Amino acid sequence: MEQQYELYTSEDREVWKQLYTRQHPQIVQYASQAVIDGMEQCGFRADEIPDFRKVNENLSHITGWEIYAVPGLIDNKLFFENLALKKFPCATWLRTMQQLDYLEEPDMFHDVFGHVPLLTNHEFTGFLSNLAVIALKNIDDEDFIERMSRLYWYTVEFGLIKQNGVLKAYGAGILSSIGETKYSLFSDQPKRVPYDLHTILDTPYIKDKYQEVYYVINSYEELFASIENYSESYV
């Protein structure tokens, strides 16, 4: 499917503007430098809903990745197939003004604002590609896919990184949420533990509240190396 950019309404544009305006300062202050740099490279602005075609032109020159428009959540096989082809599925619809603070299903703001900036990072995209290839080899094994989903959840969605000795966020679920950004970094309620792939594979995740544990990487190179060295014998 295509984005159909011309169909966005004035409410859609206002929703994007309000979400961007309130969350971007959080990015500048609390996100990893790779996210900040990626957002600039993608050309995101408060007064303009991202045009997937323009964003893809930028991404193609940096890492060779692109945004792939989808109507919403898609099944595991199609999702991992796209990642393996360096295509990140992104919803094209935006939440309403009444849904600014909470939304059950990821919309375009979460997918684009939260995920796309790191598609400019070679180590991070290498991690995504390798995760997808491993998942596709075992796509009919529900238990295996559940474990891969845990790895995706605790990194791509809710990962933290130690940057120059300071804790920063890189997960899209954190970066697109005004509440979870500060909670993940400063609250004394959740645990923050060193990244360990095998521990994550054995740790179920929660969807209906803030996370109880966050895994902290030291670099995107560490993240990439962990999946590159991964073997099915560990499962």
C-alpha atoms as a PDB file:
ATOM      1  CA  MET A   1       0.000   0.000   0.000  1.00  0.00           C
ATOM      2  CA  GLU A   2       0.976   3.652  -0.283  1.00  0.00           C
ATOM      3  CA  GLN A   3       0.902   6.421   2.277  1.00  0.00           C
ATOM      4  CA  GLN A   4      -1.632   8.581   0.351  1.00  0.00           C
ATOM      5  CA  TYR A   5      -0.112  11.712   1.810  1.00  0.00           C
ATOM      6  CA  GLU A   6      -2.703  14.045   0.303  1.00  0.00           C
ATOM      7  CA  LEU A   7      -5.474  12.475   2.414  1.00  0.00           C
ATOM      8  CA  TYR A   8      -4.148  13.689   5.758  1.00  0.00           C
ATOM      9  CA  THR A   9      -6.602  16.065   7.404  1.00  0.00           C
ATOM     10  CA  SER A  10      -6.061  19.265   9.356  1.00  0.00           C
ATOM     11  CA  GLU A  11      -6.626  17.247  12.535  1.00  0.00           C
ATOM     12  CA  ASP A  12      -3.942  14.770  11.470  1.00  0.00           C
ATOM     13  CA  ARG A  13      -1.499  17.621  10.960  1.00  0.00           C
ATOM     14  CA  GLU A  14      -2.378  19.134  14.328  1.00  0.00           C
ATOM     15  CA  VAL A  15      -2.000  15.762  16.068  1.00  0.00           C
ATOM     16  CA  TRP A  16       1.468  15.306  14.573  1.00  0.00           C
ATOM     17  CA  LYS A  17       2.422  18.871  15.496  1.00  0.00           C
ATOM     18  CA  GLN A  18       1.292  18.570  19.111  1.00  0.00           C
ATOM     19  CA  LEU A  19       2.907  15.176  19.643  1.00  0.00           C
ATOM     20  CA  TYR A  20       6.147  16.270  17.993  1.00  0.00           C
ATOM     21  CA  THR A  21       6.258  19.587  19.854  1.00  0.00           C
ATOM     22  CA  ARG A  22       5.898  18.030  23.280  1.00  0.00           C
ATOM     23  CA  GLN A  23       8.101  14.974  22.660  1.00  0.00           C
ATOM     24  CA  HIS A  24      10.994  16.426  20.671  1.00  0.00           C
ATOM     25  CA  PRO A  25      12.487  18.295  23.677  1.00  0.00           C
ATOM     26  CA  GLN A  26      12.478  14.957  25.502  1.00  0.00           C
ATOM     27  CA  ILE A  27      14.428  13.440  22.610  1.00  0.00           C
ATOM     28  CA  VAL A  28      17.048  16.172  22.700  1.00  0.00           C
ATOM     29  CA  GLN A  29      17.506  15.779  26.444  1.00  0.00           C
ATOM     30  CA  TYR A  30      17.048  12.067  27.052  1.00  0.00           C
ATOM     31  CA  ALA A  31      17.597  10.101  23.808  1.00  0.00           C
ATOM     32  CA  SER A  32      20.871   8.629  22.614  1.00  0.00           C
ATOM     33  CA  GLN A  33      22.893  10.747  20.218  1.00  0.00           C
ATOM     34  CA  ALA A  34      22.219   8.287  17.403  1.00  0.00           C
ATOM     35  CA  VAL A  35      18.480   8.965  17.733  1.00  0.00           C
ATOM     36  CA  ILE A  36      18.992  12.735  17.755  1.00  0.00           C
ATOM     37  CA  ASP A  37      21.257  12.575  14.703  1.00  0.00           C
ATOM     38  CA  GLY A  38      18.863  10.229  12.908  1.00  0.00           C
ATOM     39  CA  MET A  39      15.895  12.492  13.475  1.00  0.00           C
ATOM     40  CA  GLU A  40      17.793  15.352  11.874  1.00  0.00           C
ATOM     41  CA  GLN A  41      18.949  13.188   8.975  1.00  0.00           C
ATOM     42  CA  CYS A  42      15.365  12.084   8.339  1.00  0.00           C
ATOM     43  CA  GLY A  43      14.258  15.712   8.188  1.00  0.00           C
ATOM     44  CA  PHE A  44      11.451  15.494  10.751  1.00  0.00           C
ATOM     45  CA  ARG A  45       9.661  18.725  11.628  1.00  0.00           C
ATOM     46  CA  ALA A  46       6.756  19.733  13.833  1.00  0.00           C
ATOM     47  CA  ASP A  47       4.835  21.474  11.057  1.00  0.00           C
ATOM     48  CA  GLU A  48       5.012  18.651   8.514  1.00  0.00           C
ATOM     49  CA  ILE A  49       3.800  15.067   8.639  1.00  0.00           C
ATOM     50  CA  PRO A  50       6.674  12.965   7.292  1.00  0.00           C
ATOM     51  CA  ASP A  51       6.336  11.987   3.651  1.00  0.00           C
ATOM     52  CA  PHE A  52       7.522   8.393   3.383  1.00  0.00           C
ATOM     53  CA  ARG A  53       8.931   8.994  -0.098  1.00  0.00           C
ATOM     54  CA  LYS A  54      11.152  11.831   1.091  1.00  0.00           C
ATOM     55  CA  VAL A  55      12.252   9.938   4.200  1.00  0.00           C
ATOM     56  CA  ASN A  56      13.128   6.906   2.081  1.00  0.00           C
ATOM     57  CA  GLU A  57      15.309   9.028  -0.179  1.00  0.00           C
ATOM     58  CA  ASN A  58      17.344  10.024   2.869  1.00  0.00           C
ATOM     59  CA  LEU A  59      17.490   6.535   4.354  1.00  0.00           C
ATOM     60  CA  SER A  60      18.525   4.932   1.079  1.00  0.00           C
ATOM     61  CA  HIS A  61      21.696   7.029   1.010  1.00  0.00           C
ATOM     62  CA  ILE A  62      22.581   6.298   4.643  1.00  0.00           C
ATOM     63  CA  THR A  63      21.861   2.633   5.393  1.00  0.00           C
ATOM     64  CA  GLY A  64      19.834   1.394   2.426  1.00  0.00           C
ATOM     65  CA  TRP A  65      16.722   0.928   4.562  1.00  0.00           C
ATOM     66  CA  GLU A  66      13.258   2.272   3.819  1.00  0.00           C
ATOM     67  CA  ILE A  67       9.819   2.689   5.348  1.00  0.00           C
ATOM     68  CA  TYR A  68       7.214   0.194   4.180  1.00  0.00           C
ATOM     69  CA  ALA A  69       3.634   1.450   4.541  1.00  0.00           C
ATOM     70  CA  VAL A  70       1.187  -0.907   6.273  1.00  0.00           C
ATOM     71  CA  PRO A  71      -2.424  -0.411   7.449  1.00  0.00           C
ATOM     72  CA  GLY A  72      -1.549  -1.337  11.040  1.00  0.00           C
ATOM     73  CA  LEU A  73      -0.262  -4.386  12.880  1.00  0.00           C
ATOM     74  CA  ILE A  74       0.781  -7.212  10.543  1.00  0.00           C
ATOM     75  CA  ASP A  75       1.506 -10.888  11.177  1.00  0.00           C
ATOM     76  CA  ASN A  76       4.932 -12.087  12.291  1.00  0.00           C
ATOM     77  CA  LYS A  77       5.930 -13.638   8.981  1.00  0.00           C
ATOM     78  CA  LEU A  78       5.251 -10.505   6.928  1.00  0.00           C
ATOM     79  CA  PHE A  79       6.864  -8.323   9.581  1.00  0.00           C
ATOM     80  CA  PHE A  80      10.116 -10.290   9.678  1.00  0.00           C
ATOM     81  CA  GLU A  81      10.155 -10.717   5.893  1.00  0.00           C
ATOM     82  CA  ASN A  82      10.156  -6.953   5.512  1.00  0.00           C
ATOM     83  CA  LEU A  83      12.871  -6.434   8.104  1.00  0.00           C
ATOM     84  CA  ALA A  84      15.043  -8.995   6.337  1.00  0.00           C
ATOM     85  CA  LEU A  85      14.623  -6.924   3.147  1.00  0.00           C
ATOM     86  CA  LYS A  86      15.594  -3.715   5.006  1.00  0.00           C
ATOM     87  CA  LYS A  87      12.013  -2.463   5.019  1.00  0.00           C
ATOM     88  CA  PHE A  88      10.555  -1.223   8.285  1.00  0.00           C
ATOM     89  CA  PRO A  89       6.729  -1.511   8.455  1.00  0.00           C
ATOM     90  CA  CYS A  90       5.097   1.772   9.491  1.00  0.00           C
ATOM     91  CA  ALA A  91       1.421   2.558   9.937  1.00  0.00           C
ATOM     92  CA  THR A  92       0.117   5.461   7.867  1.00  0.00           C
ATOM     93  CA  TRP A  93      -2.720   6.549  10.189  1.00  0.00           C
ATOM     94  CA  LEU A  94      -2.521   8.952  13.117  1.00  0.00           C
ATOM     95  CA  ARG A  95      -4.348   8.848  16.436  1.00  0.00           C
ATOM     96  CA  THR A  96      -7.105  11.382  17.147  1.00  0.00           C
ATOM     97  CA  MET A  97      -6.819  14.439  19.382  1.00  0.00           C
ATOM     98  CA  GLN A  98      -8.658  12.480  22.076  1.00  0.00           C
ATOM     99  CA  GLN A  99      -5.960   9.781  21.986  1.00  0.00           C
ATOM    100  CA  LEU A 100      -2.880  11.949  22.392  1.00  0.00           C
ATOM    101  CA  ASP A 101      -1.833  10.439  25.718  1.00  0.00           C
ATOM    102  CA  TYR A 102      -2.661   6.774  25.219  1.00  0.00           C
ATOM    103  CA  LEU A 103      -3.151   4.430  22.301  1.00  0.00           C
ATOM    104  CA  GLU A 104      -3.337   0.634  22.358  1.00  0.00           C
ATOM    105  CA  GLU A 105      -2.191   0.022  18.785  1.00  0.00           C
ATOM    106  CA  PRO A 106       0.924   1.760  17.403  1.00  0.00           C
ATOM    107  CA  ASP A 107       0.132   4.581  14.984  1.00  0.00           C
ATOM    108  CA  MET A 108       2.336   6.532  12.603  1.00  0.00           C
ATOM    109  CA  PHE A 109       3.737   8.773  15.321  1.00  0.00           C
ATOM    110  CA  HIS A 110       5.006   5.784  17.273  1.00  0.00           C
ATOM    111  CA  ASP A 111       6.308   4.004  14.190  1.00  0.00           C
ATOM    112  CA  VAL A 112       7.918   6.972  12.448  1.00  0.00           C
ATOM    113  CA  PHE A 113       8.946   9.314  15.261  1.00  0.00           C
ATOM    114  CA  GLY A 114       9.938   6.435  17.543  1.00  0.00           C
ATOM    115  CA  HIS A 115      11.525   3.895  15.201  1.00  0.00           C
ATOM    116  CA  VAL A 116      12.731   5.538  12.018  1.00  0.00           C
ATOM    117  CA  PRO A 117      15.572   7.751  13.343  1.00  0.00           C
ATOM    118  CA  LEU A 118      17.632   4.685  14.301  1.00  0.00           C
ATOM    119  CA  LEU A 119      17.251   3.276  10.799  1.00  0.00           C
ATOM    120  CA  THR A 120      20.152   5.620  10.034  1.00  0.00           C
ATOM    121  CA  ASN A 121      22.452   3.641  12.347  1.00  0.00           C
ATOM    122  CA  HIS A 122      24.373   0.783  10.706  1.00  0.00           C
ATOM    123  CA  GLU A 123      24.877  -1.340  13.831  1.00  0.00           C
ATOM    124  CA  PHE A 124      21.257  -1.020  14.904  1.00  0.00           C
ATOM    125  CA  THR A 125      19.914  -1.904  11.455  1.00  0.00           C
ATOM    126  CA  GLY A 126      22.333  -4.824  11.323  1.00  0.00           C
ATOM    127  CA  PHE A 127      20.812  -6.078  14.548  1.00  0.00           C
ATOM    128  CA  LEU A 128      17.319  -5.788  13.031  1.00  0.00           C
ATOM    129  CA  SER A 129      18.319  -7.640   9.868  1.00  0.00           C
ATOM    130  CA  ASN A 130      19.952 -10.524  11.700  1.00  0.00           C
ATOM    131  CA  LEU A 131      17.072 -10.850  14.148  1.00  0.00           C
ATOM    132  CA  ALA A 132      14.659 -11.063  11.221  1.00  0.00           C
ATOM    133  CA  VAL A 133      16.687 -13.703   9.379  1.00  0.00           C
ATOM    134  CA  ILE A 134      16.884 -15.892  12.489  1.00  0.00           C
ATOM    135  CA  ALA A 135      13.159 -15.477  13.132  1.00  0.00           C
ATOM    136  CA  LEU A 136      12.239 -16.428   9.553  1.00  0.00           C
ATOM    137  CA  LYS A 137      14.226 -19.648   9.803  1.00  0.00           C
ATOM    138  CA  ASN A 138      11.995 -20.624  12.729  1.00  0.00           C
ATOM    139  CA  ILE A 139       8.772 -18.840  11.774  1.00  0.00           C
ATOM    140  CA  ASP A 140       6.576 -21.901  12.395  1.00  0.00           C
ATOM    141  CA  ASP A 141       7.910 -22.411  15.913  1.00  0.00           C
ATOM    142  CA  GLU A 142       5.610 -20.313  18.114  1.00  0.00           C
ATOM    143  CA  ASP A 143       7.823 -20.614  21.188  1.00  0.00           C
ATOM    144  CA  PHE A 144      10.861 -19.470  19.234  1.00  0.00           C
ATOM    145  CA  ILE A 145       9.022 -16.480  17.755  1.00  0.00           C
ATOM    146  CA  GLU A 146       7.790 -15.516  21.208  1.00  0.00           C
ATOM    147  CA  ARG A 147      11.400 -15.429  22.402  1.00  0.00           C
ATOM    148  CA  MET A 148      12.435 -13.330  19.418  1.00  0.00           C
ATOM    149  CA  SER A 149       9.539 -10.986  20.210  1.00  0.00           C
ATOM    150  CA  ARG A 150      10.927 -10.584  23.720  1.00  0.00           C
ATOM    151  CA  LEU A 151      14.303  -9.609  22.299  1.00  0.00           C
ATOM    152  CA  TYR A 152      12.663  -7.085  19.987  1.00  0.00           C
ATOM    153  CA  TRP A 153      10.523  -5.733  22.819  1.00  0.00           C
ATOM    154  CA  TYR A 154      13.328  -5.151  25.307  1.00  0.00           C
ATOM    155  CA  THR A 155      15.625  -3.551  22.744  1.00  0.00           C
ATOM    156  CA  VAL A 156      13.904  -1.974  19.747  1.00  0.00           C
ATOM    157  CA  GLU A 157      10.855  -0.918  21.770  1.00  0.00           C
ATOM    158  CA  PHE A 158      12.140  -0.378  25.311  1.00  0.00           C
ATOM    159  CA  GLY A 159      15.932  -0.354  25.241  1.00  0.00           C
ATOM    160  CA  LEU A 160      18.250   1.928  27.199  1.00  0.00           C
ATOM    161  CA  ILE A 161      21.885   2.723  26.430  1.00  0.00           C
ATOM    162  CA  LYS A 162      24.795   3.972  28.542  1.00  0.00           C
ATOM    163  CA  GLN A 163      26.283   6.905  26.627  1.00  0.00           C
ATOM    164  CA  ASN A 164      29.420   8.531  28.028  1.00  0.00           C
ATOM    165  CA  GLY A 165      28.427   7.241  31.437  1.00  0.00           C
ATOM    166  CA  VAL A 166      24.903   8.687  31.227  1.00  0.00           C
ATOM    167  CA  LEU A 167      21.749   6.625  30.792  1.00  0.00           C
ATOM    168  CA  LYS A 168      19.835   7.439  27.589  1.00  0.00           C
ATOM    169  CA  ALA A 169      16.820   5.951  25.806  1.00  0.00           C
ATOM    170  CA  TYR A 170      16.706   4.459  22.322  1.00  0.00           C
ATOM    171  CA  GLY A 171      13.586   2.246  22.340  1.00  0.00           C
ATOM    172  CA  ALA A 172      10.653   3.579  20.319  1.00  0.00           C
ATOM    173  CA  GLY A 173       8.106   2.697  22.994  1.00  0.00           C
ATOM    174  CA  ILE A 174       9.992   5.004  25.344  1.00  0.00           C
ATOM    175  CA  LEU A 175      10.759   7.785  22.888  1.00  0.00           C
ATOM    176  CA  SER A 176       7.167   8.124  21.659  1.00  0.00           C
ATOM    177  CA  SER A 177       5.724   8.245  25.199  1.00  0.00           C
ATOM    178  CA  ILE A 178       5.998  11.427  27.245  1.00  0.00           C
ATOM    179  CA  GLY A 179       5.357   9.474  30.438  1.00  0.00           C
ATOM    180  CA  GLU A 180       7.658   6.514  29.942  1.00  0.00           C
ATOM    181  CA  THR A 181      10.635   8.586  28.836  1.00  0.00           C
ATOM    182  CA  LYS A 182      11.306   9.990  32.304  1.00  0.00           C
ATOM    183  CA  TYR A 183       9.972   6.890  34.068  1.00  0.00           C
ATOM    184  CA  SER A 184      12.432   4.591  32.300  1.00  0.00           C
ATOM    185  CA  LEU A 185      15.403   6.808  33.156  1.00  0.00           C
ATOM    186  CA  PHE A 186      14.639   8.223  36.588  1.00  0.00           C
ATOM    187  CA  SER A 187      11.932   6.303  38.436  1.00  0.00           C
ATOM    188  CA  ASP A 188      13.079   4.129  41.341  1.00  0.00           C
ATOM    189  CA  GLN A 189      10.404   1.531  40.539  1.00  0.00           C
ATOM    190  CA  PRO A 190      11.804  -0.422  37.549  1.00  0.00           C
ATOM    191  CA  LYS A 191      15.014  -2.430  37.471  1.00  0.00           C
ATOM    192  CA  ARG A 192      17.741  -1.401  35.050  1.00  0.00           C
ATOM    193  CA  VAL A 193      20.086  -4.276  34.323  1.00  0.00           C
ATOM    194  CA  PRO A 194      22.948  -4.919  31.904  1.00  0.00           C
ATOM    195  CA  TYR A 195      21.907  -6.229  28.504  1.00  0.00           C
ATOM    196  CA  ASP A 196      22.052  -9.989  28.221  1.00  0.00           C
ATOM    197  CA  LEU A 197      20.470 -11.666  25.229  1.00  0.00           C
ATOM    198  CA  HIS A 198      19.809 -14.997  26.884  1.00  0.00           C
ATOM    199  CA  THR A 199      18.211 -13.449  29.958  1.00  0.00           C
ATOM    200  CA  ILE A 200      15.914 -11.435  27.719  1.00  0.00           C
ATOM    201  CA  LEU A 201      14.862 -14.524  25.773  1.00  0.00           C
ATOM    202  CA  ASP A 202      13.597 -16.009  29.051  1.00  0.00           C
ATOM    203  CA  THR A 203      11.831 -12.842  30.254  1.00  0.00           C
ATOM    204  CA  PRO A 204       8.153 -12.329  29.299  1.00  0.00           C
ATOM    205  CA  TYR A 205       7.130  -8.739  28.654  1.00  0.00           C
ATOM    206  CA  ILE A 206       4.103  -6.663  29.649  1.00  0.00           C
ATOM    207  CA  LYS A 207       2.023  -4.405  27.421  1.00  0.00           C
ATOM    208  CA  ASP A 208      -0.571  -2.734  29.642  1.00  0.00           C
ATOM    209  CA  LYS A 209       1.696  -0.681  31.941  1.00  0.00           C
ATOM    210  CA  TYR A 210       5.186   0.747  32.187  1.00  0.00           C
ATOM    211  CA  GLN A 211       7.976  -1.816  32.109  1.00  0.00           C
ATOM    212  CA  GLU A 212       9.252  -3.448  35.291  1.00  0.00           C
ATOM    213  CA  VAL A 213      12.744  -3.988  33.885  1.00  0.00           C
ATOM    214  CA  TYR A 214      14.867  -2.224  31.280  1.00  0.00           C
ATOM    215  CA  TYR A 215      17.983  -3.724  29.698  1.00  0.00           C
ATOM    216  CA  VAL A 216      20.927  -1.386  29.196  1.00  0.00           C
ATOM    217  CA  ILE A 217      23.410  -1.734  26.332  1.00  0.00           C
ATOM    218  CA  ASN A 218      26.797  -0.026  26.290  1.00  0.00           C
ATOM    219  CA  SER A 219      26.779   0.556  22.540  1.00  0.00           C
ATOM    220  CA  TYR A 220      24.939  -0.365  19.360  1.00  0.00           C
ATOM    221  CA  GLU A 221      28.005  -2.403  18.430  1.00  0.00           C
ATOM    222  CA  GLU A 222      27.304  -4.569  21.485  1.00  0.00           C
ATOM    223  CA  LEU A 223      23.720  -5.035  20.355  1.00  0.00           C
ATOM    224  CA  PHE A 224      24.784  -6.024  16.846  1.00  0.00           C
ATOM    225  CA  ALA A 225      27.465  -8.413  18.091  1.00  0.00           C
ATOM    226  CA  SER A 226      25.017 -10.185  20.399  1.00  0.00           C
ATOM    227  CA  ILE A 227      22.680 -11.179  17.574  1.00  0.00           C
ATOM    228  CA  GLU A 228      25.496 -11.891  15.126  1.00  0.00           C
ATOM    229  CA  ASN A 229      26.938 -14.407  17.567  1.00  0.00           C
ATOM    230  CA  TYR A 230      23.557 -15.878  18.364  1.00  0.00           C
ATOM    231  CA  SER A 231      23.045 -19.559  17.721  1.00  0.00           C
ATOM    232  CA  GLU A 232      19.854 -21.569  17.651  1.00  0.00           C
ATOM    233  CA  SER A 233      21.531 -24.025  20.017  1.00  0.00           C
ATOM    234  CA  TYR A 234      20.956 -21.527  22.802  1.00  0.00           C
ATOM    235  CA  VAL A 235      17.197 -21.893  22.511  1.00  0.00           C
END
